[in-house]
Amino acid sequence: MFVYDISTPAASTMVEYINDVDYSALPTVAGDLAPEGMVAFEQDAKHYLAVANELSSTLALYELATDGRATKLISINLGGFGTGAAEIVDYSAQDKKLFVTNAETQKVDVIDVSNPEEASRTSSIDFSAYADDLQSVSVKDGVLAIAVKRKG
């Protein structure tokens, strides 16, 4: 991932390149692979970036400094190769939770980030009876919207 300072769009500058993949390891243990969706959010006067990684089926959570540099806090395994695929993520400020689509299981994983350093999956919402694939997720004021590819 690249982080850019775009405060002056015509003179954008790269702040940081983030890639902590261990290329000498097997893909199943190499780290966060294939970032797919991300959301930046503010919570308790701090700024964060959540990244859903499709291939590794992980959610990485970073704290963002005022200069844009990112410090990785945690990576949460939401499945595995062939058993999960974290794709799109959104944040609910109301209850300090992230909602992540899982394409392989047709579920939306719910991640508690009330304490970001100890973020964890608390539950999942199962859409498998209604959808072959989850396309996107959006959450606001207690309402969750899911774009799906319908069965049939």
Protein backbone atom coordinates (compact mmCIF):
# COMPACT_ATOMS: atom_id res chain seq x y z
CA MET A 1 0.00 0.00 0.00
CA PHE A 2 1.08 3.51 -0.69
CA VAL A 3 0.27 6.46 1.57
CA TYR A 4 0.35 9.90 -0.05
CA ASP A 5 0.08 13.44 1.28
CA ILE A 6 -2.50 15.07 -0.99
CA SER A 7 -2.96 18.30 1.01
CA THR A 8 -1.72 20.02 -2.16
CA PRO A 9 -3.13 17.73 -4.88
CA ALA A 10 -0.99 19.19 -7.68
CA ALA A 11 2.13 18.46 -5.62
CA SER A 12 1.24 15.12 -3.98
CA THR A 13 4.09 13.33 -2.23
CA MET A 14 4.53 9.75 -1.14
CA VAL A 15 4.67 9.42 2.65
CA GLU A 16 5.14 5.69 2.97
CA TYR A 17 5.06 2.35 1.18
CA ILE A 18 3.71 -0.46 3.38
CA ASN A 19 4.55 -4.05 2.52
CA ASP A 20 5.29 -6.47 5.34
CA VAL A 21 4.81 -9.65 3.30
CA ASP A 22 7.40 -12.34 3.97
CA TYR A 23 8.13 -13.53 0.42
CA SER A 24 10.31 -16.39 1.71
CA ALA A 25 7.34 -17.96 3.55
CA LEU A 26 4.48 -20.08 2.27
CA PRO A 27 1.51 -17.91 1.23
CA THR A 28 -0.58 -19.26 4.11
CA VAL A 29 1.79 -17.64 6.63
CA ALA A 30 3.38 -14.85 4.54
CA GLY A 31 1.31 -12.02 6.02
CA ASP A 32 -1.41 -9.73 4.70
CA LEU A 33 -1.79 -10.55 0.99
CA ALA A 34 -3.81 -8.72 -1.70
CA PRO A 35 -5.34 -5.65 -0.07
CA GLU A 36 -8.83 -5.26 -1.49
CA GLY A 37 -10.82 -2.74 0.53
CA MET A 38 -9.93 -0.12 3.10
CA VAL A 39 -11.54 2.48 5.28
CA ALA A 40 -9.98 5.32 7.26
CA PHE A 41 -11.74 6.38 10.44
CA GLU A 42 -11.34 8.49 13.56
CA GLN A 43 -12.04 7.09 17.00
CA ASP A 44 -11.25 8.56 20.42
CA ALA A 45 -9.22 11.41 18.82
CA LYS A 46 -6.97 8.95 16.94
CA HIS A 47 -6.92 8.09 13.24
CA TYR A 48 -6.92 4.53 11.90
CA LEU A 49 -6.85 2.63 8.63
CA ALA A 50 -8.48 -0.80 8.31
CA VAL A 51 -7.43 -2.93 5.32
CA ALA A 52 -9.24 -6.08 4.16
CA ASN A 53 -6.77 -8.45 2.48
CA GLU A 54 -8.50 -10.81 0.06
CA LEU A 55 -5.93 -13.56 -0.50
CA SER A 56 -4.81 -13.99 3.13
CA SER A 57 -8.36 -13.34 4.40
CA THR A 58 -7.04 -10.99 7.06
CA LEU A 59 -8.00 -7.58 8.34
CA ALA A 60 -5.04 -5.35 9.18
CA LEU A 61 -5.53 -2.36 11.45
CA TYR A 62 -3.10 0.58 11.43
CA GLU A 63 -2.88 3.70 13.56
CA LEU A 64 -2.16 6.78 11.45
CA ALA A 65 0.17 9.51 12.70
CA THR A 66 -0.43 13.17 11.86
CA ASP A 67 2.22 12.94 9.12
CA GLY A 68 0.36 10.01 7.50
CA ARG A 69 2.77 7.28 8.61
CA ALA A 70 1.07 4.05 9.61
CA THR A 71 1.84 1.76 12.54
CA LYS A 72 0.38 -1.73 12.30
CA LEU A 73 -1.56 -2.62 15.44
CA ILE A 74 -2.97 -6.03 14.61
CA SER A 75 -3.82 -8.45 11.81
CA ILE A 76 -6.93 -10.57 12.35
CA ASN A 77 -7.39 -13.86 10.51
CA LEU A 78 -10.95 -14.05 9.13
CA GLY A 79 -10.56 -17.35 7.30
CA GLY A 80 -7.89 -18.93 5.19
CA PHE A 81 -6.99 -19.89 1.67
CA GLY A 82 -10.15 -21.36 0.13
CA THR A 83 -12.19 -20.82 3.31
CA GLY A 84 -12.41 -17.03 3.51
CA ALA A 85 -11.81 -13.91 1.50
CA ALA A 86 -11.93 -10.55 3.29
CA GLU A 87 -12.81 -7.95 0.69
CA ILE A 88 -14.72 -4.77 1.55
CA VAL A 89 -14.75 -3.02 4.92
CA ASP A 90 -16.70 -0.18 6.53
CA TYR A 91 -16.71 1.40 9.99
CA SER A 92 -19.55 2.20 12.38
CA ALA A 93 -18.63 5.06 14.71
CA GLN A 94 -21.85 4.45 16.67
CA ASP A 95 -20.66 1.13 18.11
CA LYS A 96 -16.93 1.12 17.23
CA LYS A 97 -17.16 -1.87 14.91
CA LEU A 98 -15.84 -2.78 11.48
CA PHE A 99 -17.95 -4.77 9.04
CA VAL A 100 -16.02 -6.91 6.53
CA THR A 101 -17.47 -8.86 3.60
CA ASN A 102 -16.28 -12.46 3.33
CA ALA A 103 -16.77 -13.66 -0.24
CA GLU A 104 -16.10 -17.34 0.43
CA THR A 105 -18.58 -17.75 3.29
CA GLN A 106 -21.16 -15.14 2.18
CA LYS A 107 -20.96 -13.57 5.64
CA VAL A 108 -20.21 -10.14 6.98
CA ASP A 109 -17.70 -10.43 9.82
CA VAL A 110 -18.18 -7.98 12.70
CA ILE A 111 -14.94 -6.74 14.27
CA ASP A 112 -14.94 -4.94 17.64
CA VAL A 113 -12.39 -2.10 17.52
CA SER A 114 -13.37 -0.38 20.78
CA ASN A 115 -9.80 -1.20 21.84
CA PRO A 116 -7.94 -1.20 18.50
CA GLU A 117 -4.82 -2.95 19.83
CA GLU A 118 -7.04 -5.89 20.84
CA ALA A 119 -9.52 -5.84 17.96
CA SER A 120 -11.34 -9.12 17.43
CA ARG A 121 -14.15 -10.72 15.47
CA THR A 122 -17.22 -10.82 17.69
CA SER A 123 -19.80 -12.25 15.30
CA SER A 124 -20.82 -12.76 11.68
CA ILE A 125 -23.99 -12.05 9.76
CA ASP A 126 -24.83 -14.92 7.42
CA PHE A 127 -26.14 -14.03 3.96
CA SER A 128 -25.55 -17.46 2.38
CA ALA A 129 -29.29 -18.22 2.08
CA TYR A 130 -29.77 -15.06 0.00
CA ALA A 131 -26.58 -14.45 -1.91
CA ASP A 132 -23.91 -16.20 -3.97
CA ASP A 133 -21.50 -13.34 -3.42
CA LEU A 134 -21.24 -10.18 -1.31
CA GLN A 135 -20.17 -7.20 -3.41
CA SER A 136 -19.97 -4.32 -0.93
CA VAL A 137 -20.93 -3.15 2.56
CA SER A 138 -21.89 0.21 4.03
CA VAL A 139 -22.95 1.07 7.57
CA LYS A 140 -24.31 4.23 9.17
CA ASP A 141 -26.44 5.04 12.22
CA GLY A 142 -27.21 1.41 13.00
CA VAL A 143 -28.17 0.45 9.45
CA LEU A 144 -26.11 -2.04 7.46
CA ALA A 145 -26.47 -2.22 3.67
CA ILE A 146 -25.05 -5.14 1.64
CA ALA A 147 -24.76 -5.30 -2.12
CA VAL A 148 -25.12 -8.95 -3.17
CA LYS A 149 -25.14 -11.18 -6.20
CA ARG A 150 -28.37 -13.08 -5.66
CA LYS A 151 -28.79 -16.83 -5.72
CA GLY A 152 -30.51 -18.35 -8.68
